[in-house]
Amino acid sequence: MTPSDEILDIVDERDEVIGQAPRGEATARGLRHRCVFIEARDAEGRLFVHRRTATKLVFPSHYDMFVGGVVGAGESYDEAALREAEEELGVSGLPVPEPLFRFLYTGDKHSWWSAVYQVRCELPAPQAEEVAWHTFLDEKELEERLGEWPWVPDGVEAYRRLRTYRSA
């Protein structure tokens, strides 16, 4: 089974399941589904930042300050957050990511309910199929790169909301 064949729950504007579809179809038709964003920091508080591989279905070769991905059909946000974090960071036995908040992301062609989490990860070994390059950046370094690198728009939106959430 390819990532495009993965079955997703399709949800409405209230995040209630209204159907199911393969991931490829959901992406092609712009069907609203669920997604998780996990902020991973090291012991020094620096943020894990990576460039997505060129083979990604959505936003290939873009930079991201979160690991994460889609929530599978029948899967909870919490289950998806741990699965996606361990997969993309290439570690097992990761602490359960801490849930922070949810929001509805709506872009030009995409829309998904998004759950934002945080977790600590000391020694990532990122999954080669997902991550082309990675590093840890402090807040100042990240802010400098925001205007320089092509970033995934949903990640930038989640990052801005996370900053607002933390300043409240």
N, C-alpha and C. Protein backbone atom coordinates (compact mmCIF):
# COMPACT_ATOMS: atom_id res chain seq x y z
N MET A 1 0.85 -1.19 0.00
CA MET A 1 0.00 0.00 0.00
C MET A 1 0.89 1.24 0.00
N THR A 2 0.57 2.19 -0.85
CA THR A 2 1.30 3.45 -0.92
C THR A 2 0.63 4.47 0.00
N PRO A 3 1.32 5.57 0.34
CA PRO A 3 0.67 6.61 1.16
C PRO A 3 -0.63 7.12 0.54
N SER A 4 -0.71 7.16 -0.77
CA SER A 4 -1.94 7.63 -1.44
C SER A 4 -3.13 6.72 -1.20
N ASP A 5 -2.86 5.45 -0.87
CA ASP A 5 -3.92 4.48 -0.64
C ASP A 5 -4.45 4.48 0.80
N GLU A 6 -3.72 5.13 1.70
CA GLU A 6 -4.13 5.16 3.11
C GLU A 6 -5.54 5.76 3.24
N ILE A 7 -6.39 5.13 4.02
CA ILE A 7 -7.77 5.59 4.18
C ILE A 7 -7.83 6.63 5.30
N LEU A 8 -8.47 7.76 5.00
CA LEU A 8 -8.62 8.86 5.95
C LEU A 8 -10.09 9.09 6.25
N ASP A 9 -10.36 9.56 7.45
CA ASP A 9 -11.69 10.05 7.78
C ASP A 9 -11.83 11.43 7.16
N ILE A 10 -12.93 11.65 6.48
CA ILE A 10 -13.26 12.97 5.93
C ILE A 10 -14.18 13.64 6.96
N VAL A 11 -13.87 14.90 7.30
CA VAL A 11 -14.60 15.58 8.37
C VAL A 11 -15.21 16.89 7.88
N ASP A 12 -16.20 17.36 8.64
CA ASP A 12 -16.85 18.63 8.29
C ASP A 12 -16.19 19.78 9.05
N GLU A 13 -16.79 20.96 8.98
CA GLU A 13 -16.23 22.15 9.62
C GLU A 13 -16.23 22.07 11.14
N ARG A 14 -16.93 21.09 11.72
CA ARG A 14 -16.95 20.89 13.17
C ARG A 14 -16.06 19.70 13.59
N ASP A 15 -15.30 19.16 12.65
CA ASP A 15 -14.40 18.03 12.89
C ASP A 15 -15.16 16.74 13.18
N GLU A 16 -16.35 16.61 12.61
CA GLU A 16 -17.14 15.39 12.74
C GLU A 16 -16.99 14.57 11.46
N VAL A 17 -16.79 13.26 11.62
CA VAL A 17 -16.59 12.37 10.47
C VAL A 17 -17.85 12.30 9.62
N ILE A 18 -17.68 12.54 8.32
CA ILE A 18 -18.81 12.48 7.38
C ILE A 18 -18.58 11.45 6.27
N GLY A 19 -17.39 10.80 6.30
CA GLY A 19 -17.10 9.79 5.29
C GLY A 19 -15.65 9.37 5.36
N GLN A 20 -15.22 8.60 4.37
CA GLN A 20 -13.84 8.15 4.27
C GLN A 20 -13.41 8.20 2.82
N ALA A 21 -12.10 8.35 2.60
CA ALA A 21 -11.55 8.36 1.25
C ALA A 21 -10.07 8.03 1.31
N PRO A 22 -9.53 7.47 0.22
CA PRO A 22 -8.08 7.27 0.16
C PRO A 22 -7.38 8.63 0.21
N ARG A 23 -6.21 8.65 0.79
CA ARG A 23 -5.45 9.89 0.95
C ARG A 23 -5.23 10.62 -0.38
N GLY A 24 -4.89 9.88 -1.43
CA GLY A 24 -4.66 10.50 -2.74
C GLY A 24 -5.90 11.21 -3.25
N GLU A 25 -7.05 10.58 -3.07
CA GLU A 25 -8.32 11.19 -3.50
C GLU A 25 -8.64 12.41 -2.63
N ALA A 26 -8.43 12.29 -1.33
CA ALA A 26 -8.70 13.41 -0.42
C ALA A 26 -7.85 14.62 -0.81
N THR A 27 -6.59 14.37 -1.15
CA THR A 27 -5.69 15.45 -1.55
C THR A 27 -6.13 16.04 -2.89
N ALA A 28 -6.37 15.18 -3.87
CA ALA A 28 -6.75 15.65 -5.22
C ALA A 28 -8.05 16.44 -5.22
N ARG A 29 -9.02 16.02 -4.38
CA ARG A 29 -10.33 16.67 -4.37
C ARG A 29 -10.45 17.74 -3.29
N GLY A 30 -9.40 17.94 -2.50
CA GLY A 30 -9.43 18.96 -1.45
C GLY A 30 -10.42 18.62 -0.35
N LEU A 31 -10.56 17.33 -0.02
CA LEU A 31 -11.48 16.91 1.03
C LEU A 31 -10.87 17.17 2.41
N ARG A 32 -11.65 17.73 3.29
CA ARG A 32 -11.17 18.06 4.64
C ARG A 32 -10.97 16.77 5.44
N HIS A 33 -9.78 16.66 6.06
CA HIS A 33 -9.46 15.50 6.89
C HIS A 33 -8.73 15.98 8.15
N ARG A 34 -8.03 15.09 8.81
CA ARG A 34 -7.36 15.43 10.07
C ARG A 34 -5.84 15.29 9.93
N CYS A 35 -5.14 16.12 10.70
CA CYS A 35 -3.69 16.15 10.64
C CYS A 35 -3.13 16.47 12.03
N VAL A 36 -1.90 16.05 12.29
CA VAL A 36 -1.23 16.38 13.55
C VAL A 36 0.08 17.11 13.26
N PHE A 37 0.40 18.05 14.12
CA PHE A 37 1.66 18.79 14.08
C PHE A 37 2.34 18.59 15.44
N ILE A 38 3.58 18.11 15.43
CA ILE A 38 4.29 17.89 16.68
C ILE A 38 5.56 18.73 16.68
N GLU A 39 5.65 19.63 17.64
CA GLU A 39 6.85 20.43 17.82
C GLU A 39 7.82 19.58 18.64
N ALA A 40 9.00 19.30 18.06
CA ALA A 40 10.02 18.50 18.75
C ALA A 40 11.19 19.41 19.11
N ARG A 41 11.55 19.41 20.39
CA ARG A 41 12.67 20.22 20.87
C ARG A 41 13.71 19.33 21.53
N ASP A 42 14.97 19.78 21.48
CA ASP A 42 16.04 19.05 22.15
C ASP A 42 16.19 19.56 23.58
N ALA A 43 17.18 19.04 24.32
CA ALA A 43 17.38 19.39 25.73
C ALA A 43 17.68 20.87 25.92
N GLU A 44 18.21 21.51 24.89
CA GLU A 44 18.53 22.94 24.96
C GLU A 44 17.35 23.82 24.55
N GLY A 45 16.24 23.19 24.21
CA GLY A 45 15.05 23.94 23.82
C GLY A 45 15.02 24.35 22.37
N ARG A 46 15.97 23.87 21.59
CA ARG A 46 16.00 24.20 20.16
C ARG A 46 14.98 23.36 19.41
N LEU A 47 14.44 23.92 18.36
CA LEU A 47 13.37 23.32 17.58
C LEU A 47 13.92 22.47 16.44
N PHE A 48 13.37 21.26 16.28
CA PHE A 48 13.71 20.39 15.16
C PHE A 48 13.10 20.99 13.89
N VAL A 49 13.93 21.25 12.90
CA VAL A 49 13.50 21.82 11.62
C VAL A 49 14.02 20.90 10.53
N HIS A 50 13.20 20.68 9.52
CA HIS A 50 13.62 19.79 8.43
C HIS A 50 13.08 20.26 7.09
N ARG A 51 13.69 19.71 6.02
CA ARG A 51 13.18 19.91 4.66
C ARG A 51 12.56 18.59 4.23
N ARG A 52 11.34 18.69 3.77
CA ARG A 52 10.62 17.50 3.31
C ARG A 52 11.25 16.97 2.02
N THR A 53 11.11 15.68 1.79
CA THR A 53 11.65 15.09 0.57
C THR A 53 10.87 15.59 -0.66
N ALA A 54 11.49 15.47 -1.80
CA ALA A 54 10.87 15.90 -3.06
C ALA A 54 9.72 14.98 -3.47
N THR A 55 9.61 13.82 -2.85
CA THR A 55 8.57 12.85 -3.22
C THR A 55 7.30 13.01 -2.40
N LYS A 56 7.24 13.95 -1.47
CA LYS A 56 6.05 14.14 -0.64
C LYS A 56 4.86 14.55 -1.50
N LEU A 57 3.68 14.04 -1.15
CA LEU A 57 2.46 14.31 -1.89
C LEU A 57 2.04 15.77 -1.79
N VAL A 58 2.23 16.36 -0.62
CA VAL A 58 1.85 17.75 -0.38
C VAL A 58 3.10 18.53 0.07
N PHE A 59 3.31 19.70 -0.49
CA PHE A 59 4.43 20.59 -0.16
C PHE A 59 5.80 19.90 -0.24
N PRO A 60 6.13 19.26 -1.38
CA PRO A 60 7.44 18.62 -1.50
C PRO A 60 8.58 19.65 -1.43
N SER A 61 9.70 19.23 -0.85
CA SER A 61 10.92 20.03 -0.73
C SER A 61 10.76 21.33 0.05
N HIS A 62 9.70 21.47 0.81
CA HIS A 62 9.50 22.65 1.66
C HIS A 62 10.05 22.36 3.06
N TYR A 63 10.38 23.42 3.76
CA TYR A 63 10.85 23.31 5.14
C TYR A 63 9.66 23.27 6.09
N ASP A 64 9.88 22.64 7.25
CA ASP A 64 8.83 22.53 8.25
C ASP A 64 9.45 22.57 9.64
N MET A 65 8.75 23.21 10.56
CA MET A 65 9.19 23.27 11.96
C MET A 65 8.42 22.29 12.84
N PHE A 66 7.64 21.43 12.19
CA PHE A 66 6.89 20.38 12.89
C PHE A 66 7.13 19.05 12.18
N VAL A 67 7.03 17.96 12.94
CA VAL A 67 6.88 16.65 12.33
C VAL A 67 5.40 16.33 12.45
N GLY A 68 4.93 15.40 11.67
CA GLY A 68 3.51 15.07 11.76
C GLY A 68 2.99 14.53 10.46
N GLY A 69 1.67 14.54 10.34
CA GLY A 69 1.05 14.02 9.14
C GLY A 69 -0.43 13.78 9.35
N VAL A 70 -0.99 13.01 8.46
CA VAL A 70 -2.43 12.78 8.48
C VAL A 70 -2.81 11.78 9.57
N VAL A 71 -4.04 11.90 10.03
CA VAL A 71 -4.62 10.97 10.99
C VAL A 71 -5.38 9.92 10.18
N GLY A 72 -5.06 8.67 10.37
CA GLY A 72 -5.72 7.59 9.63
C GLY A 72 -7.16 7.40 10.07
N ALA A 73 -7.94 6.75 9.22
CA ALA A 73 -9.35 6.47 9.53
C ALA A 73 -9.44 5.69 10.83
N GLY A 74 -10.28 6.16 11.75
CA GLY A 74 -10.49 5.50 13.02
C GLY A 74 -9.39 5.73 14.05
N GLU A 75 -8.36 6.45 13.69
CA GLU A 75 -7.24 6.73 14.59
C GLU A 75 -7.51 8.02 15.36
N SER A 76 -7.10 8.08 16.61
CA SER A 76 -7.25 9.32 17.38
C SER A 76 -6.11 10.28 17.06
N TYR A 77 -6.32 11.55 17.36
CA TYR A 77 -5.24 12.52 17.20
C TYR A 77 -4.02 12.10 18.03
N ASP A 78 -4.25 11.68 19.27
CA ASP A 78 -3.14 11.30 20.16
C ASP A 78 -2.35 10.12 19.60
N GLU A 79 -3.05 9.11 19.09
CA GLU A 79 -2.38 7.96 18.48
C GLU A 79 -1.55 8.39 17.28
N ALA A 80 -2.13 9.23 16.44
CA ALA A 80 -1.42 9.70 15.24
C ALA A 80 -0.20 10.53 15.61
N ALA A 81 -0.31 11.36 16.66
CA ALA A 81 0.81 12.21 17.06
C ALA A 81 2.01 11.36 17.47
N LEU A 82 1.79 10.34 18.28
CA LEU A 82 2.91 9.48 18.70
C LEU A 82 3.46 8.71 17.50
N ARG A 83 2.58 8.12 16.70
CA ARG A 83 3.02 7.35 15.52
C ARG A 83 3.84 8.22 14.58
N GLU A 84 3.31 9.39 14.22
CA GLU A 84 3.99 10.27 13.27
C GLU A 84 5.31 10.80 13.82
N ALA A 85 5.34 11.16 15.10
CA ALA A 85 6.57 11.67 15.70
C ALA A 85 7.65 10.59 15.68
N GLU A 86 7.30 9.37 16.09
CA GLU A 86 8.29 8.30 16.09
C GLU A 86 8.75 7.96 14.67
N GLU A 87 7.82 7.94 13.71
CA GLU A 87 8.18 7.64 12.33
C GLU A 87 9.12 8.69 11.77
N GLU A 88 8.71 9.95 11.83
CA GLU A 88 9.51 11.00 11.19
C GLU A 88 10.82 11.28 11.90
N LEU A 89 10.81 11.19 13.23
CA LEU A 89 12.05 11.41 13.98
C LEU A 89 12.94 10.17 13.99
N GLY A 90 12.37 9.03 13.61
CA GLY A 90 13.14 7.80 13.52
C GLY A 90 13.55 7.24 14.87
N VAL A 91 12.69 7.40 15.86
CA VAL A 91 12.98 6.90 17.21
C VAL A 91 11.81 6.06 17.69
N SER A 92 12.08 5.20 18.66
CA SER A 92 11.00 4.45 19.30
C SER A 92 11.08 4.74 20.79
N GLY A 93 9.97 4.56 21.49
CA GLY A 93 9.93 4.84 22.91
C GLY A 93 9.90 6.32 23.24
N LEU A 94 9.47 7.12 22.28
CA LEU A 94 9.36 8.56 22.49
C LEU A 94 8.30 8.83 23.55
N PRO A 95 8.49 9.85 24.40
CA PRO A 95 7.41 10.20 25.33
C PRO A 95 6.15 10.56 24.55
N VAL A 96 5.00 10.32 25.15
CA VAL A 96 3.74 10.66 24.50
C VAL A 96 3.70 12.17 24.29
N PRO A 97 3.51 12.64 23.04
CA PRO A 97 3.44 14.08 22.80
C PRO A 97 2.30 14.72 23.60
N GLU A 98 2.57 15.91 24.11
CA GLU A 98 1.59 16.65 24.91
C GLU A 98 0.67 17.47 24.00
N PRO A 99 -0.65 17.23 24.06
CA PRO A 99 -1.57 18.01 23.22
C PRO A 99 -1.67 19.45 23.72
N LEU A 100 -1.71 20.39 22.76
CA LEU A 100 -1.78 21.81 23.11
C LEU A 100 -3.10 22.45 22.68
N PHE A 101 -3.44 22.36 21.39
CA PHE A 101 -4.68 22.95 20.89
C PHE A 101 -4.99 22.40 19.49
N ARG A 102 -6.19 22.71 19.00
CA ARG A 102 -6.61 22.33 17.64
C ARG A 102 -7.07 23.56 16.89
N PHE A 103 -6.96 23.49 15.56
CA PHE A 103 -7.47 24.58 14.72
C PHE A 103 -7.79 24.02 13.33
N LEU A 104 -8.63 24.74 12.63
CA LEU A 104 -8.98 24.38 11.25
C LEU A 104 -8.07 25.14 10.31
N TYR A 105 -7.24 24.42 9.57
CA TYR A 105 -6.37 25.03 8.56
C TYR A 105 -7.11 25.02 7.23
N THR A 106 -7.13 26.15 6.57
CA THR A 106 -7.72 26.25 5.23
C THR A 106 -6.75 27.02 4.35
N GLY A 107 -6.19 26.33 3.36
CA GLY A 107 -5.28 26.95 2.41
C GLY A 107 -5.96 27.08 1.06
N ASP A 108 -5.16 27.38 0.04
CA ASP A 108 -5.70 27.55 -1.31
C ASP A 108 -6.39 26.29 -1.83
N LYS A 109 -5.75 25.13 -1.62
CA LYS A 109 -6.28 23.88 -2.17
C LYS A 109 -6.56 22.83 -1.10
N HIS A 110 -6.19 23.13 0.15
CA HIS A 110 -6.25 22.13 1.20
C HIS A 110 -6.97 22.65 2.42
N SER A 111 -7.58 21.73 3.17
CA SER A 111 -8.22 22.07 4.44
C SER A 111 -8.15 20.85 5.34
N TRP A 112 -7.71 21.05 6.58
CA TRP A 112 -7.69 19.95 7.53
C TRP A 112 -7.79 20.46 8.95
N TRP A 113 -8.43 19.64 9.78
CA TRP A 113 -8.43 19.90 11.22
C TRP A 113 -7.06 19.50 11.73
N SER A 114 -6.47 20.37 12.51
CA SER A 114 -5.08 20.21 12.93
C SER A 114 -4.96 20.20 14.44
N ALA A 115 -4.28 19.21 14.98
CA ALA A 115 -4.00 19.13 16.41
C ALA A 115 -2.51 19.38 16.59
N VAL A 116 -2.17 20.31 17.49
CA VAL A 116 -0.77 20.69 17.72
C VAL A 116 -0.31 20.10 19.06
N TYR A 117 0.89 19.52 19.03
CA TYR A 117 1.48 18.84 20.18
C TYR A 117 2.92 19.33 20.38
N GLN A 118 3.49 18.96 21.53
CA GLN A 118 4.91 19.18 21.75
C GLN A 118 5.52 17.93 22.38
N VAL A 119 6.82 17.72 22.09
CA VAL A 119 7.53 16.56 22.63
C VAL A 119 9.03 16.89 22.68
N ARG A 120 9.75 16.19 23.54
CA ARG A 120 11.21 16.32 23.63
C ARG A 120 11.83 15.16 22.89
N CYS A 121 12.85 15.44 22.07
CA CYS A 121 13.56 14.39 21.34
C CYS A 121 15.04 14.77 21.27
N GLU A 122 15.87 13.97 21.87
CA GLU A 122 17.30 14.28 21.97
C GLU A 122 18.10 13.88 20.72
N LEU A 123 17.92 12.67 20.24
CA LEU A 123 18.76 12.16 19.15
C LEU A 123 17.92 11.61 18.01
N PRO A 124 17.35 12.48 17.20
CA PRO A 124 16.54 11.98 16.09
C PRO A 124 17.40 11.30 15.03
N ALA A 125 16.80 10.34 14.35
CA ALA A 125 17.40 9.67 13.20
C ALA A 125 16.32 9.67 12.11
N PRO A 126 16.04 10.85 11.53
CA PRO A 126 14.87 11.03 10.67
C PRO A 126 14.72 10.00 9.55
N GLN A 127 13.47 9.71 9.28
CA GLN A 127 13.08 8.75 8.24
C GLN A 127 13.45 9.33 6.87
N ALA A 128 14.27 8.62 6.12
CA ALA A 128 14.78 9.10 4.84
C ALA A 128 13.67 9.37 3.82
N GLU A 129 12.57 8.63 3.89
CA GLU A 129 11.46 8.84 2.94
C GLU A 129 10.70 10.14 3.23
N GLU A 130 10.85 10.66 4.43
CA GLU A 130 10.10 11.86 4.85
C GLU A 130 10.97 13.10 4.94
N VAL A 131 12.22 12.94 5.38
CA VAL A 131 13.08 14.07 5.74
C VAL A 131 14.35 14.06 4.89
N ALA A 132 14.55 15.11 4.10
CA ALA A 132 15.74 15.22 3.24
C ALA A 132 16.92 15.85 3.98
N TRP A 133 16.64 16.70 4.96
CA TRP A 133 17.68 17.42 5.72
C TRP A 133 17.06 17.85 7.03
N HIS A 134 17.88 17.96 8.09
CA HIS A 134 17.35 18.43 9.37
C HIS A 134 18.42 19.08 10.22
N THR A 135 17.97 19.88 11.18
CA THR A 135 18.83 20.49 12.18
C THR A 135 17.96 20.94 13.35
N PHE A 136 18.59 21.46 14.39
CA PHE A 136 17.87 22.11 15.48
C PHE A 136 18.20 23.59 15.43
N LEU A 137 17.18 24.44 15.53
CA LEU A 137 17.37 25.90 15.51
C LEU A 137 16.76 26.51 16.76
N ASP A 138 17.40 27.57 17.28
CA ASP A 138 16.76 28.30 18.36
C ASP A 138 15.73 29.26 17.75
N GLU A 139 14.95 29.91 18.59
CA GLU A 139 13.86 30.77 18.10
C GLU A 139 14.36 31.87 17.17
N LYS A 140 15.48 32.50 17.53
CA LYS A 140 16.02 33.60 16.70
C LYS A 140 16.41 33.08 15.32
N GLU A 141 17.12 31.95 15.29
CA GLU A 141 17.52 31.37 14.01
C GLU A 141 16.31 31.00 13.16
N LEU A 142 15.29 30.44 13.79
CA LEU A 142 14.08 30.08 13.05
C LEU A 142 13.42 31.32 12.47
N GLU A 143 13.27 32.35 13.27
CA GLU A 143 12.65 33.59 12.78
C GLU A 143 13.40 34.16 11.59
N GLU A 144 14.74 34.08 11.61
CA GLU A 144 15.55 34.57 10.48
C GLU A 144 15.27 33.75 9.22
N ARG A 145 15.09 32.45 9.37
CA ARG A 145 14.89 31.57 8.21
C ARG A 145 13.48 31.66 7.62
N LEU A 146 12.52 32.13 8.43
CA LEU A 146 11.14 32.19 7.94
C LEU A 146 11.00 33.00 6.66
N GLY A 147 11.77 34.06 6.51
CA GLY A 147 11.70 34.87 5.30
C GLY A 147 12.61 34.41 4.19
N GLU A 148 13.45 33.41 4.47
CA GLU A 148 14.45 32.98 3.50
C GLU A 148 14.12 31.66 2.80
N TRP A 149 13.55 30.73 3.53
CA TRP A 149 13.32 29.38 3.01
C TRP A 149 11.86 29.19 2.63
N PRO A 150 11.58 28.29 1.67
CA PRO A 150 10.18 27.96 1.35
C PRO A 150 9.61 27.02 2.43
N TRP A 151 8.63 27.50 3.17
CA TRP A 151 8.04 26.75 4.28
C TRP A 151 6.68 26.20 3.91
N VAL A 152 6.30 25.09 4.53
CA VAL A 152 4.95 24.56 4.35
C VAL A 152 3.98 25.57 4.97
N PRO A 153 2.97 25.99 4.23
CA PRO A 153 2.08 27.04 4.75
C PRO A 153 1.28 26.62 5.98
N ASP A 154 0.89 25.35 6.07
CA ASP A 154 0.14 24.91 7.25
C ASP A 154 1.03 24.91 8.49
N GLY A 155 2.30 24.58 8.33
CA GLY A 155 3.25 24.62 9.44
C GLY A 155 3.48 26.04 9.93
N VAL A 156 3.59 26.98 9.00
CA VAL A 156 3.76 28.39 9.38
C VAL A 156 2.53 28.86 10.15
N GLU A 157 1.35 28.48 9.68
CA GLU A 157 0.11 28.85 10.39
C GLU A 157 0.08 28.24 11.79
N ALA A 158 0.45 26.96 11.90
CA ALA A 158 0.47 26.31 13.21
C ALA A 158 1.50 26.97 14.13
N TYR A 159 2.66 27.36 13.58
CA TYR A 159 3.70 28.01 14.36
C TYR A 159 3.22 29.37 14.88
N ARG A 160 2.57 30.14 14.03
CA ARG A 160 2.04 31.44 14.47
C ARG A 160 0.99 31.27 15.56
N ARG A 161 0.12 30.30 15.39
CA ARG A 161 -0.90 30.04 16.41
C ARG A 161 -0.28 29.54 17.72
N LEU A 162 0.78 28.75 17.60
CA LEU A 162 1.48 28.25 18.79
C LEU A 162 2.12 29.41 19.56
N ARG A 163 2.71 30.34 18.85
CA ARG A 163 3.31 31.51 19.52
C ARG A 163 2.24 32.31 20.24
N THR A 164 1.08 32.50 19.61
CA THR A 164 -0.03 33.21 20.24
C THR A 164 -0.54 32.44 21.45
N TYR A 165 -0.68 31.14 21.32
CA TYR A 165 -1.13 30.26 22.41
C TYR A 165 -0.21 30.40 23.63
N ARG A 166 1.09 30.41 23.37
CA ARG A 166 2.06 30.48 24.47
C ARG A 166 2.15 31.86 25.10
N SER A 167 1.80 32.89 24.36
CA SER A 167 1.88 34.26 24.91
C SER A 167 0.60 34.66 25.65
N ALA A 168 -0.44 33.83 25.55
CA ALA A 168 -1.72 34.16 26.19
C ALA A 168 -1.69 33.90 27.69
